[in-house]
N, C-alpha and C. Protein backbone atom coordinates (compact mmCIF):
# COMPACT_ATOMS: atom_id res chain seq x y z
N MET A 1 41.97 -7.28 -56.19
CA MET A 1 42.12 -7.94 -57.39
C MET A 1 43.17 -7.19 -58.22
N THR A 2 44.02 -7.61 -59.35
CA THR A 2 44.90 -7.23 -59.67
C THR A 2 44.86 -6.64 -60.89
N LEU A 3 45.67 -5.74 -62.05
CA LEU A 3 44.86 -4.35 -62.87
C LEU A 3 44.91 -5.77 -63.66
N ASN A 4 45.59 -6.21 -64.32
CA ASN A 4 45.52 -7.56 -65.07
C ASN A 4 44.15 -8.06 -65.34
N LYS A 5 43.59 -8.59 -63.99
CA LYS A 5 42.61 -9.45 -63.84
C LYS A 5 41.50 -8.43 -64.37
N ILE A 6 41.39 -7.21 -64.12
CA ILE A 6 40.50 -5.25 -64.46
C ILE A 6 40.89 -5.53 -66.18
N VAL A 7 41.62 -5.06 -66.33
CA VAL A 7 41.81 -4.85 -67.69
C VAL A 7 41.21 -6.38 -68.88
N ARG A 8 41.17 -7.41 -68.42
CA ARG A 8 41.35 -8.78 -69.50
C ARG A 8 39.30 -8.92 -69.32
N ARG A 9 38.50 -8.59 -67.70
CA ARG A 9 37.50 -8.54 -67.68
C ARG A 9 36.83 -7.00 -68.72
N GLN A 10 37.90 -6.47 -68.82
CA GLN A 10 37.32 -5.16 -69.46
C GLN A 10 37.80 -5.03 -70.93
N LYS A 11 38.61 -5.69 -71.20
CA LYS A 11 38.55 -6.37 -73.34
C LYS A 11 37.25 -7.53 -73.80
N LEU A 12 37.44 -8.25 -72.97
CA LEU A 12 36.16 -8.73 -72.96
C LEU A 12 34.90 -8.37 -72.81
N ARG A 13 34.77 -7.53 -72.12
CA ARG A 13 33.00 -6.83 -72.25
C ARG A 13 33.22 -5.61 -72.98
N TYR A 14 34.04 -5.23 -73.75
CA TYR A 14 34.34 -4.90 -74.73
C TYR A 14 33.84 -4.93 -75.80
N ARG A 15 34.49 -6.22 -76.43
CA ARG A 15 33.88 -7.46 -77.48
C ARG A 15 32.88 -8.25 -77.20
N ILE A 16 31.72 -8.10 -75.92
CA ILE A 16 30.63 -8.18 -76.40
C ILE A 16 29.67 -7.55 -76.21
N ARG A 17 30.12 -6.40 -76.19
CA ARG A 17 28.97 -5.44 -76.51
C ARG A 17 29.51 -4.52 -77.27
N LYS A 18 29.99 -4.62 -78.90
CA LYS A 18 30.10 -4.91 -79.85
C LYS A 18 29.76 -5.31 -81.03
N LYS A 19 29.10 -6.50 -79.99
CA LYS A 19 27.85 -7.65 -80.19
C LYS A 19 26.44 -6.95 -80.26
N ILE A 20 26.09 -6.88 -79.29
CA ILE A 20 24.51 -6.37 -78.71
C ILE A 20 24.54 -5.84 -78.29
N SER A 21 23.18 -4.86 -78.30
CA SER A 21 22.36 -3.66 -77.91
C SER A 21 21.41 -3.64 -77.34
N GLY A 22 20.63 -3.05 -76.94
CA GLY A 22 19.60 -2.75 -76.29
C GLY A 22 18.53 -1.67 -76.91
N SER A 23 17.36 -2.20 -77.53
CA SER A 23 16.10 -1.09 -78.22
C SER A 23 15.53 -0.68 -76.79
N PRO A 24 14.62 -0.43 -77.75
CA PRO A 24 12.87 0.24 -76.39
C PRO A 24 12.55 -1.51 -77.07
N GLU A 25 12.29 -2.15 -77.66
CA GLU A 25 11.14 -3.61 -77.72
C GLU A 25 12.96 -4.36 -76.41
N SER A 26 13.37 -4.40 -76.89
CA SER A 26 14.67 -5.93 -76.83
C SER A 26 15.80 -5.28 -75.60
N PRO A 27 15.36 -4.69 -74.84
CA PRO A 27 16.37 -3.82 -73.57
C PRO A 27 17.67 -4.75 -73.39
N ARG A 28 18.67 -3.79 -73.04
CA ARG A 28 19.98 -5.10 -72.45
C ARG A 28 20.08 -5.91 -71.11
N LEU A 29 20.35 -6.31 -70.62
CA LEU A 29 19.83 -6.59 -69.65
C LEU A 29 21.32 -6.83 -68.73
N SER A 30 21.72 -5.87 -68.29
CA SER A 30 23.66 -5.37 -67.90
C SER A 30 23.49 -6.25 -66.34
N VAL A 31 24.66 -6.75 -66.22
CA VAL A 31 24.70 -7.29 -65.42
C VAL A 31 26.67 -6.57 -64.92
N PHE A 32 26.33 -6.64 -63.04
CA PHE A 32 28.11 -6.09 -63.12
C PHE A 32 27.63 -7.04 -60.95
N ARG A 33 29.16 -7.39 -61.36
CA ARG A 33 28.64 -7.70 -59.77
C ARG A 33 30.25 -7.60 -59.42
N SER A 34 30.55 -7.51 -57.63
CA SER A 34 31.42 -6.96 -56.84
C SER A 34 31.78 -8.00 -56.32
N ASN A 35 32.86 -7.78 -55.50
CA ASN A 35 32.50 -8.33 -54.10
C ASN A 35 31.82 -8.75 -53.62
N ASP A 36 31.31 -8.02 -53.27
CA ASP A 36 29.74 -8.27 -52.28
C ASP A 36 28.13 -7.89 -52.43
N GLN A 37 28.54 -7.62 -53.76
CA GLN A 37 26.81 -7.13 -54.66
C GLN A 37 26.84 -7.25 -55.49
N ILE A 38 25.44 -7.70 -56.17
CA ILE A 38 24.91 -8.05 -57.59
C ILE A 38 23.84 -7.34 -58.83
N TYR A 39 24.11 -6.16 -59.45
CA TYR A 39 23.34 -5.31 -59.66
C TYR A 39 22.65 -5.82 -61.01
N ALA A 40 21.79 -5.22 -61.31
CA ALA A 40 21.87 -5.88 -63.04
C ALA A 40 20.10 -4.77 -63.29
N GLN A 41 20.39 -4.28 -64.44
CA GLN A 41 20.43 -3.29 -65.37
C GLN A 41 19.60 -3.45 -66.36
N LEU A 42 18.37 -2.62 -66.89
CA LEU A 42 17.94 -2.67 -68.27
C LEU A 42 17.91 -1.96 -68.57
N ILE A 43 18.83 -1.56 -70.26
CA ILE A 43 19.13 -0.57 -70.83
C ILE A 43 18.50 0.10 -72.03
N ASP A 44 18.29 0.84 -72.52
CA ASP A 44 17.57 0.98 -74.19
C ASP A 44 18.71 2.02 -74.45
N ASP A 45 19.64 1.19 -75.33
CA ASP A 45 21.24 1.79 -76.04
C ASP A 45 20.26 2.89 -76.96
N ILE A 46 19.33 2.92 -77.95
CA ILE A 46 19.19 3.51 -78.98
C ILE A 46 18.90 4.98 -78.27
N ASN A 47 18.05 5.38 -76.55
CA ASN A 47 18.04 6.62 -76.29
C ASN A 47 18.66 6.61 -75.00
N GLY A 48 19.55 5.92 -74.45
CA GLY A 48 20.35 5.66 -73.56
C GLY A 48 19.61 6.08 -72.07
N LYS A 49 18.91 5.11 -71.70
CA LYS A 49 17.97 4.92 -71.01
C LYS A 49 17.82 3.98 -69.85
N THR A 50 17.51 4.35 -68.83
CA THR A 50 18.06 3.52 -67.93
C THR A 50 16.09 3.03 -67.53
N ILE A 51 15.45 1.95 -68.13
CA ILE A 51 14.17 1.05 -68.00
C ILE A 51 14.76 0.44 -66.63
N ALA A 52 15.17 -0.09 -65.76
CA ALA A 52 14.74 -0.42 -64.46
C ALA A 52 15.80 -0.59 -63.93
N ALA A 53 16.49 -0.87 -62.59
CA ALA A 53 17.61 -1.64 -62.61
C ALA A 53 16.82 -2.06 -60.89
N ALA A 54 17.84 -2.79 -60.67
CA ALA A 54 17.77 -3.87 -58.78
C ALA A 54 19.43 -4.59 -58.42
N SER A 55 19.43 -4.14 -57.29
CA SER A 55 20.17 -4.94 -56.64
C SER A 55 20.53 -5.39 -55.47
N SER A 56 21.78 -5.79 -55.27
CA SER A 56 21.43 -6.83 -53.79
C SER A 56 21.61 -6.28 -52.41
N ALA A 57 22.14 -4.49 -52.82
CA ALA A 57 21.87 -3.48 -52.25
C ALA A 57 20.72 -2.99 -51.80
N ASP A 58 19.68 -3.08 -52.48
CA ASP A 58 18.20 -2.28 -52.48
C ASP A 58 17.76 -2.87 -50.76
N LYS A 59 16.94 -1.56 -50.52
CA LYS A 59 16.18 -1.72 -49.04
C LYS A 59 15.41 -3.21 -49.19
N GLU A 60 14.56 -3.52 -49.77
CA GLU A 60 14.31 -4.71 -50.21
C GLU A 60 15.02 -5.63 -50.07
N LEU A 61 16.23 -5.65 -50.49
CA LEU A 61 16.74 -7.58 -50.25
C LEU A 61 18.04 -7.11 -48.77
N LYS A 62 18.28 -5.74 -49.02
CA LYS A 62 19.46 -5.68 -47.96
C LYS A 62 18.99 -6.13 -46.97
N LYS A 63 17.90 -7.23 -46.06
CA LYS A 63 17.62 -8.03 -45.36
C LYS A 63 17.45 -9.71 -45.55
N SER A 64 17.68 -10.00 -46.81
CA SER A 64 17.61 -11.45 -46.85
C SER A 64 18.51 -11.89 -46.73
N LYS A 65 18.05 -13.29 -45.93
CA LYS A 65 19.64 -14.15 -45.84
C LYS A 65 20.51 -14.98 -46.65
N GLY A 66 21.41 -15.90 -46.42
CA GLY A 66 22.16 -16.23 -47.58
C GLY A 66 23.09 -16.30 -48.26
N ASN A 67 23.46 -16.87 -49.39
CA ASN A 67 24.95 -16.39 -49.68
C ASN A 67 24.74 -15.59 -50.69
N LYS A 68 25.97 -15.58 -51.08
CA LYS A 68 25.68 -13.93 -53.11
C LYS A 68 24.85 -15.01 -53.95
N THR A 69 24.76 -15.95 -54.44
CA THR A 69 23.79 -16.59 -54.78
C THR A 69 22.99 -16.59 -54.43
N ASP A 70 22.53 -16.60 -53.44
CA ASP A 70 21.07 -16.97 -52.95
C ASP A 70 20.36 -15.56 -53.49
N LYS A 71 21.44 -14.59 -53.00
CA LYS A 71 20.70 -12.83 -53.88
C LYS A 71 20.75 -12.39 -55.18
N ALA A 72 22.23 -13.30 -55.85
CA ALA A 72 21.30 -12.74 -57.08
C ALA A 72 20.14 -13.20 -57.34
N LYS A 73 19.79 -14.60 -56.94
CA LYS A 73 18.64 -15.03 -57.46
C LYS A 73 17.51 -14.00 -57.10
N GLU A 74 17.53 -14.05 -55.66
CA GLU A 74 16.59 -12.60 -55.30
C GLU A 74 16.78 -11.38 -56.37
N VAL A 75 17.94 -10.48 -56.86
CA VAL A 75 18.40 -9.82 -57.43
C VAL A 75 17.26 -9.79 -59.17
N GLY A 76 17.23 -11.40 -59.62
CA GLY A 76 17.27 -11.72 -60.41
C GLY A 76 15.99 -11.52 -60.74
N LYS A 77 14.89 -12.13 -60.31
CA LYS A 77 13.06 -12.05 -59.87
C LYS A 77 12.19 -11.07 -60.02
N LEU A 78 13.89 -10.52 -58.86
CA LEU A 78 13.32 -8.74 -58.60
C LEU A 78 13.25 -7.99 -59.96
N ILE A 79 14.18 -8.17 -60.87
CA ILE A 79 14.38 -7.54 -62.26
C ILE A 79 13.62 -8.15 -63.46
N GLY A 80 13.51 -8.96 -62.41
CA GLY A 80 12.06 -10.14 -64.04
C GLY A 80 11.06 -8.91 -63.56
N GLU A 81 10.61 -8.61 -61.93
CA GLU A 81 9.00 -8.34 -61.78
C GLU A 81 9.10 -6.91 -62.11
N LYS A 82 10.39 -6.04 -61.56
CA LYS A 82 10.29 -4.50 -62.89
C LYS A 82 10.58 -4.66 -63.94
N ALA A 83 10.80 -5.65 -64.84
CA ALA A 83 10.40 -5.40 -66.47
C ALA A 83 9.07 -5.96 -66.84
N LYS A 84 8.44 -6.72 -66.03
CA LYS A 84 7.15 -6.82 -66.62
C LYS A 84 6.29 -5.41 -66.36
N LYS A 85 6.29 -5.26 -65.50
CA LYS A 85 5.99 -3.74 -64.83
C LYS A 85 5.63 -2.15 -65.64
N ALA A 86 7.03 -2.49 -66.32
CA ALA A 86 7.81 -1.10 -67.19
C ALA A 86 7.55 -1.97 -68.98
N GLY A 87 6.28 -3.12 -69.08
CA GLY A 87 6.41 -3.57 -70.06
C GLY A 87 6.83 -4.54 -70.46
N VAL A 88 8.35 -4.71 -70.55
CA VAL A 88 9.56 -5.84 -71.10
C VAL A 88 9.22 -7.03 -71.19
N GLU A 89 8.79 -7.30 -71.94
CA GLU A 89 9.40 -8.85 -71.99
C GLU A 89 10.98 -10.26 -72.92
N LYS A 90 10.92 -9.12 -73.55
CA LYS A 90 11.93 -9.71 -74.12
C LYS A 90 13.61 -9.04 -73.96
N VAL A 91 14.40 -9.53 -73.43
CA VAL A 91 15.59 -8.51 -73.15
C VAL A 91 16.59 -9.23 -74.36
N VAL A 92 18.24 -8.49 -74.03
CA VAL A 92 19.06 -8.83 -73.94
C VAL A 92 19.98 -9.00 -72.98
N PHE A 93 20.96 -10.57 -73.43
CA PHE A 93 21.75 -10.89 -72.31
C PHE A 93 22.83 -9.59 -71.89
N ASP A 94 23.95 -9.27 -70.99
CA ASP A 94 25.17 -8.76 -71.38
C ASP A 94 25.53 -9.17 -70.19
N ARG A 95 26.58 -10.09 -69.63
CA ARG A 95 27.36 -10.51 -68.75
C ARG A 95 27.88 -9.77 -68.32
N GLY A 96 29.09 -8.95 -69.31
CA GLY A 96 29.61 -7.94 -68.89
C GLY A 96 30.40 -8.59 -68.18
N GLY A 97 31.05 -8.91 -69.33
CA GLY A 97 32.75 -9.17 -69.07
C GLY A 97 32.93 -10.94 -68.43
N TYR A 98 32.17 -11.04 -67.57
CA TYR A 98 32.51 -12.39 -66.51
C TYR A 98 31.68 -13.65 -67.10
N LEU A 99 32.34 -14.59 -66.68
CA LEU A 99 31.79 -15.66 -67.10
C LEU A 99 29.89 -16.45 -66.70
N TYR A 100 29.81 -17.12 -67.59
CA TYR A 100 28.31 -17.16 -67.59
C TYR A 100 28.11 -18.70 -65.88
N HIS A 101 28.21 -18.23 -64.70
CA HIS A 101 28.17 -19.23 -63.88
C HIS A 101 28.41 -18.46 -62.96
N GLY A 102 28.28 -19.71 -61.89
CA GLY A 102 27.42 -19.09 -60.56
C GLY A 102 26.51 -18.42 -60.37
N ARG A 103 27.75 -16.68 -60.05
CA ARG A 103 26.07 -15.36 -59.26
C ARG A 103 25.39 -15.35 -60.86
N VAL A 104 26.29 -15.15 -61.69
CA VAL A 104 25.47 -13.67 -63.06
C VAL A 104 24.39 -15.45 -63.67
N LYS A 105 25.06 -16.56 -63.57
CA LYS A 105 24.20 -17.51 -64.35
C LYS A 105 22.11 -17.60 -62.98
N ALA A 106 23.19 -17.76 -62.40
CA ALA A 106 21.67 -17.65 -61.36
C ALA A 106 20.64 -16.09 -61.48
N LEU A 107 21.10 -15.23 -61.82
CA LEU A 107 20.27 -13.98 -61.55
C LEU A 107 20.01 -13.83 -63.31
N ALA A 108 20.69 -14.89 -64.11
CA ALA A 108 19.96 -15.33 -65.69
C ALA A 108 18.93 -16.01 -65.23
N ASP A 109 19.11 -17.19 -64.68
CA ASP A 109 18.13 -18.30 -64.43
C ASP A 109 16.64 -17.61 -63.58
N ALA A 110 16.82 -16.98 -62.60
CA ALA A 110 15.75 -15.91 -61.96
C ALA A 110 14.75 -15.23 -62.41
N ALA A 111 15.97 -14.80 -63.50
CA ALA A 111 15.48 -13.35 -64.11
C ALA A 111 14.18 -14.08 -65.83
N ARG A 112 14.86 -15.40 -65.99
CA ARG A 112 14.05 -16.15 -67.04
C ARG A 112 13.10 -16.95 -65.71
N GLU A 113 13.21 -17.11 -65.00
CA GLU A 113 11.69 -17.65 -64.32
C GLU A 113 11.39 -16.53 -63.83
N ALA A 114 11.08 -15.23 -63.98
CA ALA A 114 10.38 -13.93 -63.65
C ALA A 114 9.84 -13.32 -64.36
N GLY A 115 9.79 -14.65 -66.09
CA GLY A 115 8.86 -14.21 -66.95
C GLY A 115 9.76 -13.53 -68.36
N LEU A 116 11.46 -12.96 -68.10
CA LEU A 116 11.73 -12.89 -68.95
C LEU A 116 12.28 -13.51 -70.29
N LYS A 117 12.14 -13.21 -71.29
CA LYS A 117 12.95 -13.78 -72.15
C LYS A 117 14.31 -13.87 -72.74
N PHE A 118 15.32 -14.32 -73.61
CA PHE A 118 16.07 -13.81 -73.58
C PHE A 118 17.28 -15.41 -74.16
């Protein structure tokens, strides 16, 4: 990954973060995508706490087969279930500077199917 690509994503990320913030009622669903894994967190920015987190590197998802998009769907389902257990129904989606396409979109759609509203 080139430095220009990293800087470009960081600028996009900061621009998005200026506009959205998570609260206890509707936390921020933050997505991070590495080359191999995908991570999602529910963050309450007011108190600075992570409410729930899920990733494709978790033990229960490590064994799942399929391509990276399939794993992203599984992470979306898992974060939706964990949000329900924590009593969260409404979230603000933070795509983290990535395009809303592919793995990020798959995660978001699966989280919506699991019952999250955003």
